[in-house]
Protein backbone atom coordinates (compact mmCIF):
# COMPACT_ATOMS: atom_id res chain seq x y z
CA MET A 1 126.07 51.32 83.03
CA SER A 2 125.28 49.85 79.69
CA LEU A 3 124.38 51.32 76.33
CA LYS A 4 122.44 49.85 73.40
CA LEU A 5 122.52 51.43 69.96
CA LYS A 6 119.97 50.58 67.28
CA VAL A 7 119.80 52.03 63.78
CA ASP A 8 116.63 51.26 61.81
CA GLY A 9 115.84 48.51 64.31
CA LYS A 10 119.21 46.79 63.93
CA ASP A 11 121.45 46.41 66.99
CA ILE A 12 124.84 48.04 66.40
CA PRO A 13 127.71 46.38 68.27
CA MET A 14 130.21 48.67 69.99
CA ASN A 15 133.54 48.05 71.62
CA GLU A 16 134.07 49.04 75.26
CA PHE A 17 135.83 52.31 74.36
CA VAL A 18 132.99 53.59 72.14
CA GLU A 19 130.38 52.51 74.69
CA LYS A 20 132.18 54.43 77.46
CA ILE A 21 132.53 57.57 75.29
CA LEU A 22 128.86 57.61 74.27
CA THR A 23 127.61 56.74 77.76
CA GLY A 24 129.75 59.41 79.40
CA THR A 25 128.66 62.05 76.89
CA VAL A 26 124.94 61.34 77.26
CA VAL A 27 125.00 60.97 81.05
CA GLY A 28 127.08 64.14 81.45
CA ALA A 29 124.74 66.19 79.26
CA VAL A 30 121.52 64.88 80.81
CA THR A 31 122.59 65.08 84.45
CA SER A 32 123.64 68.71 83.98
CA LEU A 33 120.03 69.65 83.17
CA LYS A 34 117.82 71.22 85.82
CA GLY A 35 115.29 68.87 87.36
CA ILE A 36 117.22 65.64 86.76
CA LYS A 37 117.57 63.70 89.99
CA ALA A 38 120.92 62.12 90.87
CA GLU A 39 119.21 58.75 91.34
CA TRP A 40 117.96 58.40 87.74
CA LYS A 41 117.57 54.84 86.44
CA THR A 42 117.12 55.02 82.66
CA ILE A 43 117.81 57.57 79.95
CA GLU A 44 116.17 57.01 76.54
CA ILE A 45 116.97 58.97 73.39
CA ALA A 46 115.37 58.50 69.98
CA ILE A 47 116.61 60.44 66.96
CA SER A 48 114.64 60.48 63.69
CA LYS A 49 115.16 62.27 60.43
């Protein structure tokens, strides 16, 4: 799995530890939702304020 983080269009570099923490958190939360198939391919999240 890989994770890309962008803030205001700028790519934010992450070390392996941070990437694993964020990936695990997002995948764990999303796959626990009803209707999400085990064979998902892409998860996209956009946050705006």
